[in-house]
Protein backbone atom coordinates (compact mmCIF):
# COMPACT_ATOMS: atom_id res chain seq x y z
CA UNK A 1 -19.88 14.74 5.10
CA UNK A 2 -18.88 11.63 3.04
CA UNK A 3 -20.36 8.26 4.30
CA UNK A 4 -18.11 5.17 4.03
CA UNK A 5 -20.10 4.29 1.06
CA UNK A 6 -19.70 7.30 -0.69
CA UNK A 7 -15.75 7.36 -0.10
CA UNK A 8 -15.55 4.11 -1.37
CA UNK A 9 -16.38 5.32 -4.84
CA UNK A 10 -13.66 8.25 -4.51
CA UNK A 11 -9.90 7.54 -4.94
CA UNK A 12 -8.09 6.99 -1.65
CA UNK A 13 -4.85 8.36 -2.99
CA UNK A 14 -4.67 11.90 -1.52
CA UNK A 15 -6.12 10.70 2.04
CA UNK A 16 -3.65 7.82 2.00
CA UNK A 17 -0.90 9.88 1.27
CA UNK A 18 -1.46 12.66 3.83
CA UNK A 19 -2.34 9.59 6.66
CA UNK A 20 0.79 8.18 5.41
CA UNK A 21 2.87 11.06 6.00
CA UNK A 22 1.39 11.78 9.35
CA UNK A 23 2.48 8.02 10.33
CA UNK A 24 5.85 8.52 9.06
CA UNK A 25 5.95 11.61 11.50
CA UNK A 26 4.48 9.44 14.52
CA UNK A 27 7.14 6.83 13.91
CA UNK A 28 10.03 9.06 13.58
CA UNK A 29 9.11 10.98 16.76
CA UNK A 30 7.80 7.88 18.73
CA UNK A 31 10.80 5.77 18.05
CA UNK A 32 13.27 8.38 18.77
CA UNK A 33 12.76 7.56 22.23
CA UNK A 34 14.67 4.42 22.15
CA UNK A 35 17.75 6.79 21.29
CA UNK A 36 16.78 8.95 24.16
CA UNK A 37 16.52 6.64 26.87
CA UNK A 38 20.36 5.61 26.65
CA UNK A 39 21.01 9.13 25.54
CA UNK A 40 19.42 10.88 28.67
CA UNK A 41 20.79 8.02 31.01
CA UNK A 42 24.18 9.57 30.20
CA UNK A 43 23.18 13.00 29.88
CA UNK A 44 21.38 13.30 33.15
CA UNK A 45 23.28 10.50 34.76
CA UNK A 46 20.27 8.12 35.50
CA UNK A 47 19.67 4.36 36.63
CA UNK A 48 17.45 2.21 34.18
CA UNK A 49 14.44 2.51 36.25
CA UNK A 50 14.65 6.36 35.87
CA UNK A 51 15.50 6.03 32.29
CA UNK A 52 12.20 4.19 31.25
CA UNK A 53 10.56 7.56 32.52
CA UNK A 54 11.09 8.45 29.11
CA UNK A 55 8.49 6.09 27.50
CA UNK A 56 6.09 6.63 31.03
CA UNK A 57 6.00 10.57 30.33
CA UNK A 58 5.32 10.08 26.57
CA UNK A 59 2.97 7.32 26.57
CA UNK A 60 1.13 8.44 29.58
CA UNK A 61 -0.03 11.45 28.00
CA UNK A 62 -2.27 9.16 25.83
CA UNK A 63 -4.15 8.11 28.79
CA UNK A 64 -4.61 11.95 29.90
CA UNK A 65 -5.51 13.41 26.59
CA UNK A 66 -7.27 10.87 24.58
CA UNK A 67 -10.67 11.62 25.74
CA UNK A 68 -10.34 15.49 25.20
CA UNK A 69 -8.96 14.81 21.90
CA UNK A 70 -12.05 13.00 21.23
CA UNK A 71 -14.02 16.31 22.51
CA UNK A 72 -11.78 18.41 20.11
CA UNK A 73 -12.42 16.30 17.18
CA UNK A 74 -16.01 16.66 17.65
CA UNK A 75 -15.68 20.02 17.51
CA UNK A 76 -12.97 20.31 14.68
CA UNK A 77 -13.42 17.27 12.56
CA UNK A 78 -10.57 14.95 11.50
CA UNK A 79 -8.80 17.67 9.28
CA UNK A 80 -8.46 20.45 11.57
CA UNK A 81 -7.97 18.10 14.69
CA UNK A 82 -4.68 16.77 12.99
CA UNK A 83 -3.33 20.16 12.03
CA UNK A 84 -3.96 21.18 15.82
CA UNK A 85 -2.10 18.05 16.87
CA UNK A 86 0.85 19.01 14.74
CA UNK A 87 1.43 22.46 16.00
CA UNK A 88 1.21 20.78 19.63
CA UNK A 89 3.72 18.49 18.77
CA UNK A 90 5.94 21.24 17.38
CA UNK A 91 5.61 23.32 20.62
CA UNK A 92 6.91 19.94 22.54
CA UNK A 93 9.67 19.61 20.21
CA UNK A 94 10.99 23.33 20.71
CA UNK A 95 10.78 22.67 24.43
CA UNK A 96 13.64 20.47 24.01
CA UNK A 97 15.79 23.63 23.72
CA UNK A 98 15.36 24.85 27.41
CA UNK A 99 15.45 21.27 28.63
CA UNK A 100 18.87 20.78 27.27
CA UNK A 101 19.97 24.25 28.09
CA UNK A 102 19.40 23.28 31.59
CA UNK A 103 20.07 19.60 31.36
CA UNK A 104 16.75 18.91 33.63
CA UNK A 105 15.47 15.41 33.18
CA UNK A 106 12.05 16.63 34.57
CA UNK A 107 12.00 19.58 31.70
CA UNK A 108 12.77 16.65 29.13
CA UNK A 109 9.81 14.63 30.34
CA UNK A 110 7.51 17.50 30.35
CA UNK A 111 8.59 18.26 26.85
CA UNK A 112 8.11 14.35 25.91
CA UNK A 113 4.56 14.54 27.62
CA UNK A 114 3.65 17.80 25.33
CA UNK A 115 4.78 15.96 22.25
CA UNK A 116 2.53 12.87 23.35
CA UNK A 117 -0.39 15.25 23.72
CA UNK A 118 -0.20 16.33 20.32
CA UNK A 119 0.37 12.62 19.21
CA UNK A 120 -2.83 11.67 21.23
CA UNK A 121 -4.93 14.18 19.38
CA UNK A 122 -3.44 12.90 15.98
CA UNK A 123 -3.91 9.10 16.97
CA UNK A 124 -7.28 9.76 17.80
CA UNK A 125 -7.99 11.12 14.48
CA UNK A 126 -6.01 9.23 12.02
CA UNK A 127 -6.56 5.61 13.18
CA UNK A 128 -10.16 5.60 12.97
CA UNK A 129 -10.18 7.76 9.84
CA UNK A 130 -8.08 5.24 7.96
CA UNK A 131 -10.06 2.41 9.39
CA UNK A 132 -13.63 3.67 8.01
CA UNK A 133 -11.97 5.16 4.74
CA UNK A 134 -12.65 1.93 3.03
CA UNK A 135 -14.41 -1.43 3.69
CA UNK A 136 -14.11 -2.63 7.29
CA UNK A 137 -12.89 -5.99 5.94
CA UNK A 138 -9.62 -4.61 4.21
CA UNK A 139 -9.01 -2.15 7.12
CA UNK A 140 -6.12 -3.95 8.36
CA UNK A 141 -4.33 -3.89 5.07
CA UNK A 142 -4.94 -0.15 4.93
CA UNK A 143 -3.57 0.34 8.44
CA UNK A 144 -0.40 -2.10 7.62
CA UNK A 145 0.24 0.47 4.66
CA UNK A 146 0.29 3.14 7.39
CA UNK A 147 2.69 0.81 9.49
CA UNK A 148 5.09 0.58 6.81
CA UNK A 149 5.14 4.20 6.83
CA UNK A 150 5.39 4.43 10.64
CA UNK A 151 8.03 1.73 11.23
CA UNK A 152 10.24 2.83 8.13
CA UNK A 153 10.53 6.20 10.11
CA UNK A 154 11.11 4.17 13.07
CA UNK A 155 13.95 2.25 11.56
CA UNK A 156 15.66 5.40 10.37
CA UNK A 157 14.73 7.62 13.80
CA UNK A 158 17.61 5.75 15.86
CA UNK A 159 20.27 5.61 13.06
CA UNK A 160 19.93 9.37 12.47
CA UNK A 161 19.41 10.45 16.10
CA UNK A 162 21.61 8.05 17.57
CA UNK A 163 24.49 9.08 14.89
CA UNK A 164 24.05 12.65 16.24
CA UNK A 165 23.60 12.21 20.06
CA UNK A 166 25.18 9.10 20.65
CA UNK A 167 28.33 9.44 18.77
CA UNK A 168 31.18 7.77 20.49
CA UNK A 169 28.98 7.32 23.42
CA UNK A 170 31.14 4.34 25.01
CA UNK A 171 34.18 6.40 24.69
CA UNK A 172 32.26 9.27 26.43
CA UNK A 173 31.32 7.23 29.25
CA UNK A 174 34.78 6.03 29.87
CA UNK A 175 36.09 9.57 29.82
CA UNK A 176 33.67 10.97 32.20
CA UNK A 177 35.22 8.42 34.87
CA UNK A 178 38.64 10.29 34.86
CA UNK A 179 36.75 13.67 35.53
CA UNK A 180 36.38 15.74 38.35
CA UNK A 181 32.67 16.99 39.31
CA UNK A 182 33.27 20.54 37.15
CA UNK A 183 34.68 18.88 34.05
CA UNK A 184 32.14 16.11 34.14
CA UNK A 185 29.08 18.76 34.31
CA UNK A 186 30.83 20.78 31.60
CA UNK A 187 30.91 17.90 29.29
CA UNK A 188 27.49 16.70 30.33
CA UNK A 189 26.45 20.10 29.38
CA UNK A 190 27.90 19.83 25.72
CA UNK A 191 26.31 16.30 25.38
CA UNK A 192 22.82 17.72 26.43
CA UNK A 193 23.15 20.48 23.84
CA UNK A 194 23.66 17.60 21.06
CA UNK A 195 19.65 17.11 21.01
CA UNK A 196 18.50 20.83 20.12
CA UNK A 197 19.17 20.64 16.61
CA UNK A 198 17.59 17.48 15.82
CA UNK A 199 14.43 18.95 17.63
CA UNK A 200 14.38 22.15 16.14
CA UNK A 201 14.42 20.47 12.56
CA UNK A 202 11.33 18.12 13.77
CA UNK A 203 9.55 21.24 15.00
CA UNK A 204 10.07 23.06 11.53
CA UNK A 205 8.68 19.80 9.73
CA UNK A 206 5.45 19.51 11.98
CA UNK A 207 4.72 23.21 11.29
CA UNK A 208 5.17 22.98 7.23
CA UNK A 209 2.98 19.59 7.52
CA UNK A 210 0.24 21.39 9.69
CA UNK A 211 0.17 24.07 6.96
CA UNK A 212 -0.12 21.56 3.96
CA UNK A 213 -3.00 19.69 5.95
CA UNK A 214 -4.86 22.95 6.38
CA UNK A 215 -4.64 23.57 2.23
CA UNK A 216 -5.29 20.28 1.38
CA UNK A 217 -8.61 18.69 0.31
CA UNK A 218 -8.76 15.90 2.92
CA UNK A 219 -12.33 14.61 2.84
CA UNK A 220 -14.08 14.14 6.20
CA UNK A 221 -15.48 10.64 6.81
CA UNK A 222 -17.84 9.38 9.22
CA UNK A 223 -18.28 5.56 10.18
CA UNK A 224 -21.39 3.63 9.20
CA UNK A 225 -24.31 4.50 11.49
CA UNK A 226 -22.44 7.51 13.22
CA UNK A 227 -25.19 9.84 12.30
CA UNK A 228 -28.05 7.55 13.31
CA UNK A 229 -30.25 8.81 16.17
CA UNK A 230 -33.41 7.03 15.58
CA UNK A 231 -34.31 4.46 17.99
CA UNK A 232 -34.94 1.90 15.15
CA UNK A 233 -31.04 1.63 15.02
CA UNK A 234 -30.43 -0.41 18.26
CA UNK A 235 -26.77 -0.88 17.92
CA UNK A 236 -26.17 2.64 17.35
CA UNK A 237 -28.26 3.69 20.30
CA UNK A 238 -26.46 1.61 22.75
CA UNK A 239 -24.31 2.89 25.62
CA UNK A 240 -20.63 2.77 25.04
CA UNK A 241 -20.30 0.73 28.12
CA UNK A 242 -22.40 -2.34 26.59
CA UNK A 243 -19.77 -3.03 23.95
CA UNK A 244 -17.93 -5.66 25.52
CA UNK A 245 -15.73 -6.40 22.26
CA UNK A 246 -14.58 -2.63 22.67
CA UNK A 247 -13.50 -3.02 26.08
CA UNK A 248 -11.54 -6.37 25.64
CA UNK A 249 -10.23 -4.74 22.58
CA UNK A 250 -8.99 -1.91 24.66
CA UNK A 251 -7.07 -4.12 27.24
CA UNK A 252 -5.67 -5.98 24.46
CA UNK A 253 -4.24 -2.94 22.89
CA UNK A 254 -2.81 -1.71 26.15
CA UNK A 255 -0.95 -4.74 26.39
CA UNK A 256 0.01 -4.74 22.96
CA UNK A 257 1.44 -1.25 23.22
CA UNK A 258 3.51 -2.28 26.46
CA UNK A 259 5.03 -5.24 24.72
CA UNK A 260 5.66 -3.37 21.70
CA UNK A 261 7.51 -0.60 23.50
CA UNK A 262 9.65 -2.98 25.29
CA UNK A 263 10.48 -4.71 21.93
CA UNK A 264 11.37 -1.28 20.38
CA UNK A 265 12.55 1.03 23.01
CA UNK A 266 13.51 -1.13 25.74
CA UNK A 267 16.06 -3.11 23.31
CA UNK A 268 18.94 -0.84 23.38
CA UNK A 269 18.66 -0.51 27.25
CA UNK A 270 18.79 -4.38 27.46
CA UNK A 271 21.40 -4.79 24.91
CA UNK A 272 23.94 -2.72 26.93
CA UNK A 273 22.86 -4.30 30.15
CA UNK A 274 23.99 -7.61 28.92
CA UNK A 275 27.43 -6.26 27.83
CA UNK A 276 26.86 -5.17 24.35
CA UNK A 277 28.43 -1.71 23.67
CA UNK A 278 26.09 1.16 23.22
CA UNK A 279 28.02 2.00 20.05
CA UNK A 280 26.44 -1.11 18.52
CA UNK A 281 23.16 -1.19 20.84
CA UNK A 282 21.98 2.00 19.71
CA UNK A 283 21.21 0.23 16.27
CA UNK A 284 19.01 -2.53 17.91
CA UNK A 285 15.82 -0.45 17.49
CA UNK A 286 16.41 -0.41 13.69
CA UNK A 287 16.31 -4.34 13.50
CA UNK A 288 12.87 -4.41 15.44
CA UNK A 289 11.53 -1.83 12.85
CA UNK A 290 12.83 -3.89 10.15
CA UNK A 291 10.98 -7.19 11.49
CA UNK A 292 7.81 -4.90 11.62
CA UNK A 293 7.91 -3.65 8.04
CA UNK A 294 8.19 -7.43 6.99
CA UNK A 295 5.06 -8.17 8.98
CA UNK A 296 3.41 -5.53 7.64
CA UNK A 297 4.03 -6.41 4.10
CA UNK A 298 2.87 -9.80 4.85
CA UNK A 299 -0.44 -8.36 5.98
CA UNK A 300 -0.79 -6.25 3.10
CA UNK A 301 -0.42 -9.33 0.83
CA UNK A 302 -2.54 -11.64 2.83
CA UNK A 303 -5.15 -9.51 4.34
CA UNK A 304 -8.23 -10.32 3.42
CA UNK A 305 -7.33 -12.33 0.59
CA UNK A 306 -6.01 -15.31 2.35
CA UNK A 307 -6.49 -14.70 6.03
CA UNK A 308 -8.97 -12.74 7.89
CA UNK A 309 -7.91 -10.22 10.49
CA UNK A 310 -8.76 -12.13 13.53
CA UNK A 311 -6.48 -15.07 11.92
CA UNK A 312 -3.56 -12.63 11.38
CA UNK A 313 -4.13 -11.50 15.21
CA UNK A 314 -3.92 -15.42 16.55
CA UNK A 315 -0.78 -15.95 14.50
CA UNK A 316 1.01 -12.60 15.92
CA UNK A 317 0.04 -13.55 19.46
CA UNK A 318 1.44 -17.09 19.27
CA UNK A 319 4.46 -15.74 17.62
CA UNK A 320 4.94 -13.22 20.60
CA UNK A 321 4.93 -16.11 23.17
CA UNK A 322 7.38 -18.07 21.16
CA UNK A 323 9.72 -15.27 20.55
CA UNK A 324 9.49 -13.92 24.19
CA UNK A 325 10.61 -17.44 25.51
CA UNK A 326 13.41 -17.67 22.98
CA UNK A 327 14.51 -14.24 24.23
CA UNK A 328 14.48 -15.54 28.03
CA UNK A 329 16.06 -19.04 27.36
CA UNK A 330 19.05 -17.46 25.30
CA UNK A 331 22.08 -15.31 25.45
CA UNK A 332 23.52 -12.53 24.19
CA UNK A 333 23.11 -11.34 20.65
CA UNK A 334 20.65 -14.45 20.13
CA UNK A 335 18.38 -13.01 22.93
CA UNK A 336 18.38 -9.79 21.49
CA UNK A 337 17.58 -11.25 18.24
CA UNK A 338 14.47 -12.71 19.57
CA UNK A 339 13.51 -9.25 21.05
CA UNK A 340 14.12 -7.77 17.67
CA UNK A 341 11.91 -10.61 16.00
CA UNK A 342 8.94 -9.61 18.32
CA UNK A 343 8.79 -6.81 15.84
CA UNK A 344 7.39 -9.40 13.43
CA UNK A 345 4.96 -10.71 16.11
CA UNK A 346 3.92 -7.17 16.70
CA UNK A 347 3.36 -6.00 13.29
CA UNK A 348 -0.23 -7.19 12.37
CA UNK A 349 -1.50 -6.57 16.15
CA UNK A 350 -2.41 -2.76 15.90
CA UNK A 351 -3.74 -3.10 12.46
CA UNK A 352 -6.05 -6.13 13.44
CA UNK A 353 -7.35 -4.83 16.95
CA UNK A 354 -8.53 -1.43 15.44
CA UNK A 355 -11.12 -2.85 13.18
CA UNK A 356 -12.23 -5.68 15.39
CA UNK A 357 -12.78 -3.23 18.38
CA UNK A 358 -14.56 -0.37 16.44
CA UNK A 359 -16.54 -2.17 14.09
CA UNK A 360 -20.40 -1.63 14.49
CA UNK A 361 -19.85 1.23 17.07
CA UNK A 362 -21.87 3.72 14.87
CA UNK A 363 -22.43 6.97 16.67
CA UNK A 364 -19.72 6.04 19.36
CA UNK A 365 -16.96 5.63 16.89
CA UNK A 366 -14.93 8.79 18.25
CA UNK A 367 -15.39 7.88 21.79
CA UNK A 368 -14.35 4.08 21.35
CA UNK A 369 -11.38 5.52 19.13
CA UNK A 370 -10.38 7.70 22.19
CA UNK A 371 -10.79 4.94 24.54
CA UNK A 372 -8.54 2.76 22.49
CA UNK A 373 -6.23 5.59 22.05
CA UNK A 374 -6.05 5.49 26.13
CA UNK A 375 -4.81 2.04 25.60
CA UNK A 376 -1.52 3.58 24.20
CA UNK A 377 -0.72 4.10 27.83
CA UNK A 378 0.28 0.64 28.05
CA UNK A 379 3.66 1.81 26.96
CA UNK A 380 4.19 3.86 29.97
CA UNK A 381 3.00 1.26 32.26
CA UNK A 382 4.46 -2.11 31.16
CA UNK A 383 8.16 -0.74 30.59
CA UNK A 384 8.29 0.64 34.17
CA UNK A 385 6.90 -2.76 35.64
CA UNK A 386 9.44 -4.30 33.50
CA UNK A 387 12.20 -2.01 35.06
CA UNK A 388 11.02 -2.71 38.57
CA UNK A 389 10.95 -6.37 38.38
CA UNK A 390 14.28 -6.34 36.61
CA UNK A 391 15.72 -4.83 39.35
CA UNK A 392 14.61 -7.98 41.54
CA UNK A 393 15.33 -10.72 39.12
CA UNK A 394 17.36 -9.52 36.12
CA UNK A 395 16.19 -7.66 33.15
CA UNK A 396 16.15 -10.87 31.20
CA UNK A 397 13.81 -12.91 33.54
CA UNK A 398 11.73 -9.91 33.67
CA UNK A 399 10.53 -10.45 30.02
CA UNK A 400 8.08 -13.03 31.54
CA UNK A 401 5.49 -10.33 32.01
CA UNK A 402 5.18 -10.34 28.15
CA UNK A 403 3.79 -13.72 27.99
CA UNK A 404 0.49 -13.24 29.57
CA UNK A 405 0.07 -10.15 27.64
CA UNK A 406 0.32 -12.01 24.18
CA UNK A 407 -2.00 -14.88 25.75
CA UNK A 408 -4.75 -12.22 26.36
CA UNK A 409 -4.30 -10.96 22.76
CA UNK A 410 -4.61 -14.52 21.79
CA UNK A 411 -7.90 -14.70 23.49
CA UNK A 412 -9.10 -11.39 21.91
CA UNK A 413 -8.30 -13.09 18.28
CA UNK A 414 -10.25 -16.04 19.09
CA UNK A 415 -13.22 -14.97 20.97
CA UNK A 416 -12.99 -11.68 22.81
CA UNK A 417 -13.53 -9.69 19.41
CA UNK A 418 -16.86 -11.36 19.14
CA UNK A 419 -18.13 -10.60 22.77
CA UNK A 420 -21.45 -8.69 22.81
CA UNK A 421 -21.33 -8.31 19.02
CA UNK A 422 -24.63 -8.14 17.13
CA UNK A 423 -23.38 -7.23 13.83
CA UNK A 424 -21.24 -8.84 11.35
CA UNK A 425 -17.56 -8.88 12.25
CA UNK A 426 -14.58 -9.33 9.92
């Protein structure tokens, strides 16, 4: 096994290339959900509250599978754990075939849950891996590079998938209104079949990538103190429950993923709800991803040379509050623009929270990482709350739930990441 110090002396090129490819896959599969929401709304005739079950089924799998994933990683190590995760994702992608053939929304949700299960294993492995691959002070820079891979795919996913499954969506919805029940069912079945080919291709790519990782020379890494079992190492022998900053980081990550999903996945649904045609709104997620890419580039340039990871997190949280208020108090395309700009505010939150939350965990690194992965379930819960509140007060006013989320992230950036920490923090 390679320690963190030993890895620093080696080239990061191959590990970064492999993990970067994984993050590209994460991004494409994850942000395809933004297109699946309006697509399944039509194909399965859903209300907005039902449609956001797409994000619920996908992200709740992280809460269910994160700790089992950490146990798998303890048995397999990072490399083989990543390979297993890719295979599980491929199985989930192939489940889109029977889901589309039966036009069963429940089956689609199950397929998304399986894909999320594979991603939970991959995320539990890849995020701590890239964090401890080099110096903890520059972890946010490495994660930002991974974020560029992720959000580049996220920008492409709605363009590619939307062109296939949402082609002429507004005209199709209008045509449905003129049909009887039998004709309508037949046309919806044809629409449902559009999703099969893209997900078969995704499954094939996932299987090929798992084979590539199997034959690759991906070094196994461990966090500083991960192997320490001697009582003289007090920090390494503490209970996982005594790391206050880790648990605060979990809450911050939970809230962050919730607002990120609303800015990326919900933006199409929101745009359509305020009268913007679906043929236009289907591209909105790409604008959010472009905003995030700008944020990642700024992070790579600035961290840690000009600002610390904690400072980047403070600025991100403040921008999040300002852009959310902008989205609430403006109308039409301007409101949508502020939601898209949340991508800029969100970009450095994930890269900054990870190193701040797992630094100093020692032998608890994999367990702590699994806890943070559970936080991804915020993407399941907060959009559901937004949709439910939106049914009562309007979808635009429902964005108020994002403000306290960003304020908690600001607290974590200012002092929460120091709570209970007895070692140097970046």
